[in-house]
Amino acid sequence: MNNKEFIAELARRTKSSTKEAQQKMNALVQEITERLCDEDSIMISNFGTFETKKRLERVLVSPTTGQRMLVPPKIVVGFKQSNTLKSKIK
């Protein structure tokens, strides 16, 4: 399902226009993004949890050249499915 199909389905289910559904979706994505930038976790019932994790600085070795490279620390986003969603998928 692509974004256009998803927005159309969201509009149908909420009995709203596609423009309103797009605005709702944009607001949701913006709020999730802002919370994750603040390093908060977001739990959505029966769906899962988005959380940020700090990856430490590490050294990588290129397999072709053998050159060592330092990878700086960074923050990554993780997602953990809820058990309810896992059981529905199976």
Protein backbone atom coordinates (compact mmCIF):
# COMPACT_ATOMS: atom_id res chain seq x y z
CA MET A 1 0.00 0.00 0.00
CA ASN A 2 1.47 3.34 -0.98
CA ASN A 3 0.85 6.71 0.71
CA LYS A 4 -1.95 7.73 -1.68
CA GLU A 5 -3.84 4.47 -1.11
CA PHE A 6 -3.33 4.74 2.65
CA ILE A 7 -4.72 8.30 2.75
CA ALA A 8 -7.72 7.25 0.64
CA GLU A 9 -8.47 4.35 3.02
CA LEU A 10 -8.03 6.61 6.06
CA ALA A 11 -10.45 9.13 4.54
CA ARG A 12 -12.99 6.38 3.82
CA ARG A 13 -12.81 4.94 7.35
CA THR A 14 -13.03 8.33 9.08
CA LYS A 15 -15.71 9.57 6.67
CA SER A 16 -13.68 12.65 5.83
CA SER A 17 -12.16 14.15 2.70
CA THR A 18 -8.76 13.05 1.45
CA LYS A 19 -7.44 16.54 2.22
CA GLU A 20 -8.55 16.25 5.86
CA ALA A 21 -7.11 12.73 6.11
CA GLN A 22 -3.80 13.97 4.69
CA GLN A 23 -3.72 16.79 7.26
CA LYS A 24 -4.41 14.33 10.09
CA MET A 25 -1.68 12.02 8.86
CA ASN A 26 0.81 14.87 8.52
CA ALA A 27 0.00 16.05 12.06
CA LEU A 28 0.51 12.53 13.42
CA VAL A 29 3.85 12.08 11.67
CA GLN A 30 5.01 15.53 12.75
CA GLU A 31 4.10 14.84 16.40
CA ILE A 32 5.86 11.45 16.37
CA THR A 33 8.94 13.05 14.81
CA GLU A 34 9.05 15.84 17.38
CA ARG A 35 8.71 13.42 20.31
CA LEU A 36 11.44 11.16 18.95
CA CYS A 37 13.72 14.18 18.43
CA ASP A 38 13.18 14.96 22.13
CA GLU A 39 14.25 11.34 22.81
CA ASP A 40 10.81 10.39 24.20
CA SER A 41 9.27 7.00 23.53
CA ILE A 42 5.81 6.68 21.99
CA MET A 43 3.52 3.76 22.78
CA ILE A 44 0.50 3.21 20.55
CA SER A 45 -1.96 0.68 22.03
CA ASN A 46 -2.32 -2.58 20.08
CA PHE A 47 0.36 -1.42 17.64
CA GLY A 48 3.77 -0.96 19.24
CA THR A 49 6.36 1.35 20.73
CA PHE A 50 8.73 3.76 19.01
CA GLU A 51 11.83 4.58 21.03
CA THR A 52 15.21 6.18 20.57
CA LYS A 53 18.46 4.42 21.39
CA LYS A 54 22.00 5.76 21.56
CA ARG A 55 24.54 3.90 19.47
CA LEU A 56 28.03 4.22 20.85
CA GLU A 57 31.09 5.26 18.91
CA ARG A 58 32.69 2.27 17.21
CA VAL A 59 35.51 1.27 14.88
CA LEU A 60 34.78 -0.41 11.55
CA VAL A 61 37.32 -2.16 9.37
CA SER A 62 36.85 -2.09 5.60
CA PRO A 63 37.04 -5.69 4.33
CA THR A 64 38.59 -4.69 1.01
CA THR A 65 41.26 -2.21 2.15
CA GLY A 66 41.67 -3.18 5.80
CA GLN A 67 41.40 0.52 6.65
CA ARG A 68 39.97 1.32 10.08
CA MET A 69 37.23 3.96 10.30
CA LEU A 70 35.75 5.61 13.35
CA VAL A 71 31.94 5.79 13.30
CA PRO A 72 30.66 8.58 15.55
CA PRO A 73 27.92 7.98 18.13
CA LYS A 74 24.37 8.58 16.96
CA ILE A 75 20.75 8.24 18.01
CA VAL A 76 18.61 5.71 16.13
CA VAL A 77 14.88 4.97 16.23
CA GLY A 78 13.67 1.51 17.13
CA PHE A 79 10.21 -0.03 16.87
CA LYS A 80 8.86 -2.89 18.94
CA GLN A 81 5.58 -4.53 17.89
CA SER A 82 2.93 -5.14 20.52
CA ASN A 83 2.00 -8.73 21.27
CA THR A 84 -1.59 -8.01 20.20
CA LEU A 85 -0.43 -6.99 16.72
CA LYS A 86 1.90 -9.99 16.46
CA SER A 87 -0.97 -12.39 17.20
CA LYS A 88 -3.20 -10.71 14.60
CA ILE A 89 -0.53 -11.00 11.90
CA LYS A 90 0.01 -14.74 12.42
